[in-house]
Amino acid sequence: MVEEGGYLSLWRGNGMNVTKIAPETGIKFLAYDQYKKFFDDTHSKLDIHERFIAGSLAGVTAQTIVYPMEVLKTRLALGQTGQYKSITDCARILIKNEGIFALYVGYIPNLLGIIPYAGIELTVYESVKKAYCQSSGKNPSEPGIFVHLGCGTISSTCGQLGSYPLALVRTKMQAHAIVRGGPHVSMHQHFYNIIREEGLFGLYRGFTPNCMKVVPAVSISFVVYEEMKNILGLTSN
């Protein structure tokens, strides 16, 4: 990548990534708090399975709204230097050449992956934080930055372990769509090809660099989320 486009090529598609992650994270946290109210208005007596359902629904809601941005991010990241003039240019070319439905390529495996990921991530985060607060005798809003950071790291890692194979297949489907004149490959075929050629461990190819990116990003987002709640005078349960 550096030889082809210089060191800045390592940030190719990052503008779209930042544009996507802001509304996605905001919608996810908002939806999670709203879905929890279906089970308990105080949020304090939710069982693990209720938190998991609320987290999964929040993830599905956020991903459905912002998914076209995910496709554009992948296209920009995989494109050559100078291939697209801007995010809007990438969207225009994609729709013109492949139709509007190209913005939802890989949506099904992404949806199947976000259900366990968001459910596990949010459930583990709140469960670990709650367990710590109960053992230390602190309120949920008092643990501190490092506790929130640790809880976020644990929850993000657990979520990634449970959903990464589907995220890998989603990316493969998005990348495969770039190949002109190539045969259509379904989600099941991608799974079969990976296992046949690389074995079960092939479903976790790229897991380490993904965790190096996702785990600190998610952990930091939880810290900022909790700190902003304290600044705004909102309570945690």
Protein backbone atom coordinates (compact mmCIF):
# COMPACT_ATOMS: atom_id res chain seq x y z
CA MET A 1 0.00 0.00 0.00
CA VAL A 2 2.82 2.40 0.85
CA GLU A 3 4.58 1.67 -2.46
CA GLU A 4 1.37 2.21 -4.43
CA GLY A 5 0.04 5.34 -2.75
CA GLY A 6 2.44 6.52 -0.07
CA TYR A 7 1.89 6.50 3.69
CA LEU A 8 -1.38 8.41 3.37
CA SER A 9 -2.83 5.36 1.60
CA LEU A 10 -2.94 3.70 5.05
CA TRP A 11 -5.73 6.16 5.88
CA ARG A 12 -7.63 5.58 2.63
CA GLY A 13 -11.35 5.43 3.41
CA ASN A 14 -10.89 6.85 6.91
CA GLY A 15 -13.00 9.92 6.11
CA MET A 16 -15.93 7.63 5.34
CA ASN A 17 -15.12 5.56 8.42
CA VAL A 18 -15.31 8.62 10.68
CA THR A 19 -18.48 9.82 8.92
CA LYS A 20 -20.04 6.39 9.54
CA ILE A 21 -18.90 5.70 13.09
CA ALA A 22 -20.29 8.92 14.59
CA PRO A 23 -23.99 8.34 13.80
CA GLU A 24 -23.60 4.55 14.17
CA THR A 25 -22.32 4.79 17.75
CA GLY A 26 -24.80 7.49 18.71
CA ILE A 27 -27.74 5.54 17.31
CA LYS A 28 -26.54 2.32 18.97
CA PHE A 29 -26.31 3.83 22.46
CA LEU A 30 -29.60 5.71 22.04
CA ALA A 31 -31.41 2.62 20.75
CA TYR A 32 -29.92 0.46 23.51
CA ASP A 33 -31.28 2.74 26.25
CA GLN A 34 -34.69 2.84 24.55
CA TYR A 35 -34.90 -0.93 24.03
CA LYS A 36 -33.99 -1.55 27.67
CA LYS A 37 -37.07 0.44 28.67
CA PHE A 38 -39.24 -2.27 27.10
CA PHE A 39 -38.07 -4.61 29.88
CA ASP A 40 -37.60 -2.22 32.81
CA ASP A 41 -37.85 1.57 33.01
CA THR A 42 -35.12 1.76 35.65
CA HIS A 43 -32.68 -0.51 33.72
CA SER A 44 -31.53 -1.82 37.13
CA LYS A 45 -33.23 -5.23 37.15
CA LEU A 46 -32.53 -6.46 33.66
CA ASP A 47 -31.43 -10.06 33.25
CA ILE A 48 -28.50 -10.96 31.01
CA HIS A 49 -30.75 -12.25 28.22
CA GLU A 50 -32.76 -9.01 28.30
CA ARG A 51 -29.59 -6.94 27.98
CA PHE A 52 -28.47 -9.19 25.14
CA ILE A 53 -31.76 -8.73 23.25
CA ALA A 54 -31.66 -4.95 23.78
CA GLY A 55 -28.03 -4.81 22.63
CA SER A 56 -28.68 -6.94 19.56
CA LEU A 57 -31.68 -4.83 18.52
CA ALA A 58 -29.64 -1.65 19.05
CA GLY A 59 -26.88 -3.02 16.82
CA VAL A 60 -29.34 -4.04 14.12
CA THR A 61 -30.99 -0.60 14.21
CA ALA A 62 -27.70 1.28 13.90
CA GLN A 63 -26.25 -0.98 11.20
CA THR A 64 -29.39 -0.90 9.06
CA ILE A 65 -29.33 2.89 9.00
CA VAL A 66 -25.61 3.36 8.29
CA TYR A 67 -24.81 0.19 6.29
CA PRO A 68 -24.42 1.96 2.90
CA MET A 69 -21.60 3.95 4.52
CA GLU A 70 -19.93 0.64 5.45
CA VAL A 71 -20.00 -0.43 1.81
CA LEU A 72 -18.56 2.91 0.67
CA LYS A 73 -15.84 2.69 3.32
CA THR A 74 -14.78 -0.72 2.00
CA ARG A 75 -14.83 0.44 -1.62
CA LEU A 76 -12.73 3.51 -0.80
CA ALA A 77 -10.26 1.40 1.21
CA LEU A 78 -9.87 -1.17 -1.59
CA GLY A 79 -9.72 1.36 -4.42
CA GLN A 80 -6.56 2.65 -6.06
CA THR A 81 -5.10 6.03 -5.18
CA GLY A 82 -7.09 8.69 -7.05
CA GLN A 83 -9.76 6.24 -8.23
CA TYR A 84 -12.46 8.20 -6.44
CA LYS A 85 -12.44 11.96 -6.07
CA SER A 86 -14.60 11.96 -2.94
CA ILE A 87 -17.13 9.98 -0.94
CA THR A 88 -19.99 11.28 -3.07
CA ASP A 89 -18.08 10.42 -6.24
CA CYS A 90 -17.61 6.85 -4.99
CA ALA A 91 -21.34 6.58 -4.22
CA ARG A 92 -22.26 8.02 -7.63
CA ILE A 93 -20.02 5.60 -9.54
CA LEU A 94 -21.20 2.63 -7.45
CA ILE A 95 -24.90 3.35 -8.02
CA LYS A 96 -24.37 4.16 -11.70
CA ASN A 97 -22.46 0.94 -12.46
CA GLU A 98 -24.12 -1.54 -10.10
CA GLY A 99 -27.45 -0.08 -9.03
CA ILE A 100 -28.78 1.14 -5.71
CA PHE A 101 -28.79 -2.36 -4.19
CA ALA A 102 -24.99 -2.41 -4.38
CA LEU A 103 -25.07 -0.22 -1.26
CA TYR A 104 -26.38 -3.26 0.65
CA VAL A 105 -24.00 -5.95 -0.62
CA GLY A 106 -23.11 -8.20 2.33
CA TYR A 107 -25.96 -6.86 4.47
CA ILE A 108 -27.24 -10.30 5.52
CA PRO A 109 -23.96 -11.65 6.98
CA ASN A 110 -23.39 -8.21 8.50
CA LEU A 111 -26.83 -8.38 10.13
CA LEU A 112 -26.23 -11.92 11.37
CA GLY A 113 -22.86 -10.83 12.73
CA ILE A 114 -24.03 -7.65 14.46
CA ILE A 115 -26.69 -9.53 16.45
CA PRO A 116 -24.17 -11.52 18.54
CA TYR A 117 -21.53 -8.77 18.42
CA ALA A 118 -23.66 -5.90 19.73
CA GLY A 119 -25.54 -8.18 22.11
CA ILE A 120 -22.35 -9.65 23.61
CA GLU A 121 -20.48 -6.34 23.64
CA LEU A 122 -23.12 -4.32 25.48
CA THR A 123 -24.16 -7.19 27.77
CA VAL A 124 -20.60 -8.03 28.83
CA TYR A 125 -19.74 -4.36 29.32
CA GLU A 126 -22.65 -3.65 31.63
CA SER A 127 -22.36 -7.00 33.43
CA VAL A 128 -18.63 -6.57 34.15
CA LYS A 129 -19.13 -2.96 35.23
CA LYS A 130 -22.06 -3.94 37.46
CA ALA A 131 -20.08 -6.80 39.03
CA TYR A 132 -17.17 -4.46 39.76
CA CYS A 133 -19.42 -1.80 41.29
CA GLN A 134 -21.15 -4.36 43.51
CA SER A 135 -17.86 -5.86 44.71
CA SER A 136 -16.29 -2.46 45.39
CA GLY A 137 -19.41 -0.78 46.74
CA LYS A 138 -19.37 1.99 44.15
CA ASN A 139 -22.19 3.53 42.14
CA PRO A 140 -22.31 2.68 38.39
CA SER A 141 -21.26 6.26 37.58
CA GLU A 142 -18.19 6.18 39.86
CA PRO A 143 -15.79 3.42 38.67
CA GLY A 144 -13.46 5.77 36.82
CA ILE A 145 -11.89 5.95 33.38
CA PHE A 146 -9.60 2.93 33.73
CA VAL A 147 -12.42 0.67 34.89
CA HIS A 148 -14.57 1.75 31.96
CA LEU A 149 -11.60 1.22 29.66
CA GLY A 150 -11.04 -2.28 31.03
CA CYS A 151 -14.71 -3.21 30.78
CA GLY A 152 -14.79 -1.92 27.21
CA THR A 153 -11.72 -3.95 26.29
CA ILE A 154 -13.19 -7.17 27.69
CA SER A 155 -16.60 -6.63 26.09
CA SER A 156 -15.18 -5.70 22.68
CA THR A 157 -12.88 -8.73 22.62
CA CYS A 158 -15.74 -11.08 23.52
CA GLY A 159 -17.95 -9.52 20.86
CA GLN A 160 -15.26 -9.87 18.20
CA LEU A 161 -14.68 -13.55 19.03
CA GLY A 162 -18.37 -14.28 18.61
CA SER A 163 -18.98 -12.41 15.36
CA TYR A 164 -15.72 -12.11 13.40
CA PRO A 165 -16.36 -14.94 10.86
CA LEU A 166 -19.52 -13.20 9.66
CA ALA A 167 -17.69 -9.85 9.47
CA LEU A 168 -15.00 -11.54 7.37
CA VAL A 169 -17.58 -12.97 4.95
CA ARG A 170 -19.29 -9.56 4.74
CA THR A 171 -16.01 -7.92 3.74
CA LYS A 172 -15.29 -10.67 1.20
CA MET A 173 -18.72 -10.14 -0.38
CA GLN A 174 -18.15 -6.38 -0.58
CA ALA A 175 -14.69 -6.88 -2.09
CA HIS A 176 -15.89 -9.58 -4.51
CA ALA A 177 -18.54 -7.20 -5.86
CA ILE A 178 -15.71 -5.05 -7.27
CA VAL A 179 -14.61 -7.82 -9.66
CA ARG A 180 -16.15 -7.06 -13.04
CA GLY A 181 -17.77 -9.99 -14.80
CA GLY A 182 -17.04 -12.38 -11.96
CA PRO A 183 -19.57 -14.99 -10.81
CA HIS A 184 -21.95 -14.16 -8.00
CA VAL A 185 -20.79 -15.79 -4.76
CA SER A 186 -23.32 -16.18 -1.97
CA MET A 187 -22.68 -16.00 1.75
CA HIS A 188 -22.82 -19.79 2.06
CA GLN A 189 -20.35 -20.23 -0.80
CA HIS A 190 -17.89 -17.83 0.83
CA PHE A 191 -18.08 -19.80 4.07
CA TYR A 192 -17.59 -23.07 2.20
CA ASN A 193 -14.64 -21.73 0.20
CA ILE A 194 -12.88 -20.39 3.30
CA ILE A 195 -13.27 -23.62 5.25
CA ARG A 196 -12.31 -25.78 2.25
CA GLU A 197 -9.19 -23.78 1.42
CA GLU A 198 -8.01 -22.63 4.85
CA GLY A 199 -9.85 -24.69 7.45
CA LEU A 200 -11.83 -23.34 10.39
CA PHE A 201 -8.99 -21.03 11.41
CA GLY A 202 -9.43 -19.30 8.06
CA LEU A 203 -12.64 -17.79 9.45
CA TYR A 204 -10.45 -15.73 11.78
CA ARG A 205 -7.91 -14.54 9.21
CA GLY A 206 -7.11 -10.89 9.94
CA PHE A 207 -8.52 -11.16 13.47
CA THR A 208 -5.41 -9.74 15.17
CA PRO A 209 -5.15 -6.46 13.19
CA ASN A 210 -8.93 -6.12 13.46
CA CYS A 211 -8.72 -6.37 17.26
CA MET A 212 -5.80 -3.92 17.28
CA LYS A 213 -8.17 -1.42 15.65
CA VAL A 214 -11.57 -2.28 17.11
CA VAL A 215 -10.75 -3.03 20.76
CA PRO A 216 -9.13 0.35 21.61
CA ALA A 217 -11.69 2.21 19.48
CA VAL A 218 -14.67 0.61 21.23
CA SER A 219 -13.05 0.89 24.67
CA ILE A 220 -12.43 4.61 24.15
CA SER A 221 -16.02 5.08 22.93
CA PHE A 222 -17.33 3.54 26.15
CA VAL A 223 -15.10 5.81 28.25
CA VAL A 224 -16.25 8.91 26.37
CA TYR A 225 -19.88 7.74 26.59
CA GLU A 226 -19.68 7.33 30.38
CA GLU A 227 -17.81 10.60 30.90
CA MET A 228 -20.31 12.53 28.77
CA LYS A 229 -23.17 11.05 30.77
CA ASN A 230 -21.54 12.38 33.95
CA ILE A 231 -20.91 15.80 32.39
CA LEU A 232 -24.53 16.01 31.23
CA GLY A 233 -25.82 14.87 34.64
CA LEU A 234 -27.29 11.60 33.41
CA THR A 235 -27.39 8.57 35.70
CA SER A 236 -25.97 5.10 35.00
CA ASN A 237 -27.69 1.86 36.01
